[in-house]
Amino acid sequence: MKPPISIIEGDITQQNVDAIVNAANSSLLGGGGVDGAIHRAAGPQLLEECRRLNGCETGQAKITKGYNLPAHWIIHTVGPVWHGGNNREDELLTQCYTNSLALATEHRVERIAFPSISTGAYGFPVERASRIALKAVASYLSTAVFPKTMLIVCFSRSDYQTYTASLKELTDAS
């Protein structure tokens, strides 16, 4: 049986899961949007640990403790900036999900929550990003032991609706 993929509208910093994924910038030192919210909620120890990680390349992922969050772990991944779709954006976004899931597997994370990576300030079209995210996650989870459950947390109602429609398309196609 495939692990379930659920989509909710909400605040990723409030999710009671083993790990949350941070849509980080390459410095890993905090920023706006999801990244800033996670850093504020986790507390100053997160910034201290992130300073020791020496940044992160686009498409890659690194893991830290969750500190003041309900989640035990934070997996930081750097999504691609949208430049029209001809600069490996799809490939790099796929790598964000698969590399984050690989770290989750390595740390035996049972429940993980993702935001909508790259669709805020980085400008990746939400509909396209949702399809890439869900295909990457479904493919990974079809053969992995961990994680057992997967949550996509959408901050806005429109993103929630887009991800829900994309999940329905993916489910109907299989």
Protein backbone atom coordinates (compact mmCIF):
# COMPACT_ATOMS: atom_id res chain seq x y z
CA MET A 1 0.00 0.00 0.00
CA LYS A 2 1.30 3.45 -0.92
CA PRO A 3 1.85 5.95 1.88
CA PRO A 4 -0.90 8.57 1.90
CA ILE A 5 -0.35 12.06 0.57
CA SER A 6 -2.57 14.66 2.19
CA ILE A 7 -2.96 18.34 1.34
CA ILE A 8 -4.08 20.92 3.86
CA GLU A 9 -4.31 24.70 4.13
CA GLY A 10 -2.42 25.95 7.15
CA ASP A 11 0.80 26.95 8.87
CA ILE A 12 3.66 24.48 8.39
CA THR A 13 5.27 25.60 11.67
CA GLN A 14 2.27 24.24 13.58
CA GLN A 15 2.25 20.73 12.09
CA ASN A 16 2.62 17.80 14.48
CA VAL A 17 4.95 15.74 12.28
CA ASP A 18 8.44 14.32 12.67
CA ALA A 19 9.96 16.70 10.10
CA ILE A 20 8.99 19.80 8.20
CA VAL A 21 10.65 20.95 5.02
CA ASN A 22 11.86 24.52 4.79
CA ALA A 23 11.82 26.30 1.43
CA ALA A 24 15.11 27.98 2.27
CA ASN A 25 17.43 30.36 0.49
CA SER A 26 20.97 29.21 -0.28
CA SER A 27 22.47 30.84 2.84
CA LEU A 28 20.12 28.86 5.13
CA LEU A 29 20.18 31.91 7.42
CA GLY A 30 16.50 32.80 7.21
CA GLY A 31 14.54 35.06 4.93
CA GLY A 32 10.94 35.78 4.07
CA GLY A 33 7.90 33.59 3.59
CA VAL A 34 8.10 29.99 4.84
CA ASP A 35 11.81 30.32 5.61
CA GLY A 36 11.34 33.35 7.87
CA ALA A 37 8.32 31.81 9.60
CA ILE A 38 10.24 28.60 10.35
CA HIS A 39 13.26 30.50 11.69
CA ARG A 40 11.05 32.69 13.92
CA ALA A 41 9.08 29.72 15.26
CA ALA A 42 12.12 27.48 15.80
CA GLY A 43 14.06 30.12 17.74
CA PRO A 44 17.64 31.45 17.66
CA GLN A 45 19.28 28.01 18.03
CA LEU A 46 18.20 27.21 14.47
CA LEU A 47 20.17 30.14 13.08
CA GLU A 48 23.21 29.04 15.11
CA GLU A 49 23.04 25.51 13.68
CA CYS A 50 22.39 26.76 10.13
CA ARG A 51 25.50 28.96 10.27
CA ARG A 52 27.58 25.78 10.70
CA LEU A 53 26.07 24.17 7.56
CA ASN A 54 27.77 26.60 5.13
CA GLY A 55 24.72 27.09 2.95
CA CYS A 56 23.04 24.76 0.49
CA GLU A 57 22.95 24.47 -3.31
CA THR A 58 19.73 24.67 -5.29
CA GLY A 59 18.02 21.27 -5.40
CA GLN A 60 19.99 19.93 -2.45
CA ALA A 61 18.84 19.47 1.16
CA LYS A 62 20.31 19.64 4.67
CA ILE A 63 18.80 18.73 8.03
CA THR A 64 18.75 20.43 11.43
CA LYS A 65 16.96 19.98 14.72
CA GLY A 66 13.46 21.46 15.04
CA TYR A 67 14.16 23.34 18.29
CA ASN A 68 10.94 25.13 19.39
CA LEU A 69 8.79 23.60 16.63
CA PRO A 70 6.48 20.60 17.17
CA ALA A 71 8.60 18.83 14.50
CA HIS A 72 11.80 17.12 15.67
CA TRP A 73 13.63 17.90 12.39
CA ILE A 74 13.75 20.65 9.78
CA ILE A 75 14.89 19.64 6.30
CA HIS A 76 16.10 22.72 4.44
CA THR A 77 15.98 22.67 0.65
CA VAL A 78 16.69 25.43 -1.85
CA GLY A 79 14.20 25.62 -4.66
CA PRO A 80 14.94 27.08 -8.08
CA VAL A 81 14.08 30.62 -9.04
CA TRP A 82 11.70 30.61 -12.02
CA HIS A 83 13.35 31.95 -15.18
CA GLY A 84 10.74 30.83 -17.71
CA GLY A 85 11.29 27.07 -17.47
CA ASN A 86 14.36 26.67 -19.65
CA ASN A 87 17.02 26.67 -16.92
CA ARG A 88 16.49 23.20 -15.40
CA GLU A 89 13.82 24.54 -13.02
CA ASP A 90 11.67 21.39 -13.24
CA GLU A 91 14.66 19.11 -12.63
CA LEU A 92 15.92 21.19 -9.70
CA LEU A 93 12.47 21.32 -8.10
CA THR A 94 12.16 17.54 -8.41
CA GLN A 95 15.56 17.24 -6.71
CA CYS A 96 14.32 19.38 -3.80
CA TYR A 97 11.62 16.82 -3.07
CA THR A 98 13.69 13.67 -3.68
CA ASN A 99 16.72 14.92 -1.74
CA SER A 100 14.50 16.02 1.16
CA LEU A 101 12.80 12.61 1.18
CA ALA A 102 16.18 10.86 1.08
CA LEU A 103 17.21 12.74 4.24
CA ALA A 104 13.86 11.86 5.81
CA THR A 105 14.46 8.19 5.00
CA GLU A 106 17.99 8.35 6.42
CA HIS A 107 16.61 9.76 9.70
CA ARG A 108 13.65 7.34 9.77
CA VAL A 109 11.09 10.14 9.61
CA GLU A 110 7.60 8.65 9.61
CA ARG A 111 5.57 11.85 9.07
CA ILE A 112 6.81 14.75 6.95
CA ALA A 113 5.27 18.06 5.87
CA PHE A 114 6.29 20.05 2.80
CA PRO A 115 5.42 23.61 1.81
CA SER A 116 4.88 24.63 -1.80
CA ILE A 117 8.56 25.02 -2.70
CA SER A 118 9.62 27.90 -5.01
CA THR A 119 6.10 29.22 -5.63
CA GLY A 120 6.36 32.35 -3.49
CA ALA A 121 9.11 34.89 -4.02
CA TYR A 122 10.93 32.52 -6.42
CA GLY A 123 8.01 32.77 -8.87
CA PHE A 124 7.58 29.13 -9.90
CA PRO A 125 4.04 28.72 -11.33
CA VAL A 126 1.95 26.95 -8.66
CA GLU A 127 0.11 24.60 -11.02
CA ARG A 128 3.35 23.39 -12.61
CA ALA A 129 5.10 23.14 -9.22
CA SER A 130 2.24 21.15 -7.71
CA ARG A 131 2.39 18.54 -10.47
CA ILE A 132 6.17 18.22 -10.18
CA ALA A 133 5.98 17.97 -6.38
CA LEU A 134 3.24 15.35 -6.33
CA LYS A 135 4.84 13.20 -9.04
CA ALA A 136 8.22 13.31 -7.31
CA VAL A 137 6.72 12.47 -3.93
CA ALA A 138 4.45 9.69 -5.25
CA SER A 139 7.34 8.12 -7.15
CA TYR A 140 9.66 8.22 -4.13
CA LEU A 141 7.08 6.98 -1.65
CA SER A 142 6.02 4.08 -3.89
CA THR A 143 9.27 2.26 -3.05
CA ALA A 144 10.44 3.82 0.23
CA VAL A 145 9.86 2.47 3.72
CA PHE A 146 10.14 5.99 5.21
CA PRO A 147 8.39 8.34 5.41
CA LYS A 148 5.07 6.63 5.97
CA THR A 149 2.85 9.70 5.62
CA MET A 150 3.31 12.88 3.68
CA LEU A 151 1.60 16.22 4.08
CA ILE A 152 1.69 19.23 1.79
CA VAL A 153 0.83 22.38 3.72
CA CYS A 154 -0.45 25.22 1.57
CA PHE A 155 -0.46 28.68 3.09
CA SER A 156 -3.17 30.06 0.80
CA ARG A 157 -6.60 28.79 -0.24
CA SER A 158 -5.69 29.11 -3.94
CA ASP A 159 -2.53 26.99 -3.52
CA TYR A 160 -4.57 24.42 -1.58
CA GLN A 161 -7.10 24.24 -4.41
CA THR A 162 -4.35 23.92 -7.03
CA TYR A 163 -2.58 21.11 -5.16
CA THR A 164 -5.87 19.32 -4.50
CA ALA A 165 -6.74 19.43 -8.22
CA SER A 166 -3.25 18.20 -9.16
CA LEU A 167 -3.48 15.32 -6.67
CA LYS A 168 -6.86 14.34 -8.13
CA GLU A 169 -5.35 14.37 -11.65
CA LEU A 170 -2.44 12.21 -10.50
CA THR A 171 -4.73 9.78 -8.65
CA ASP A 172 -7.17 9.55 -11.56
CA ALA A 173 -4.30 8.88 -14.00
CA SER A 174 -2.94 5.93 -12.01
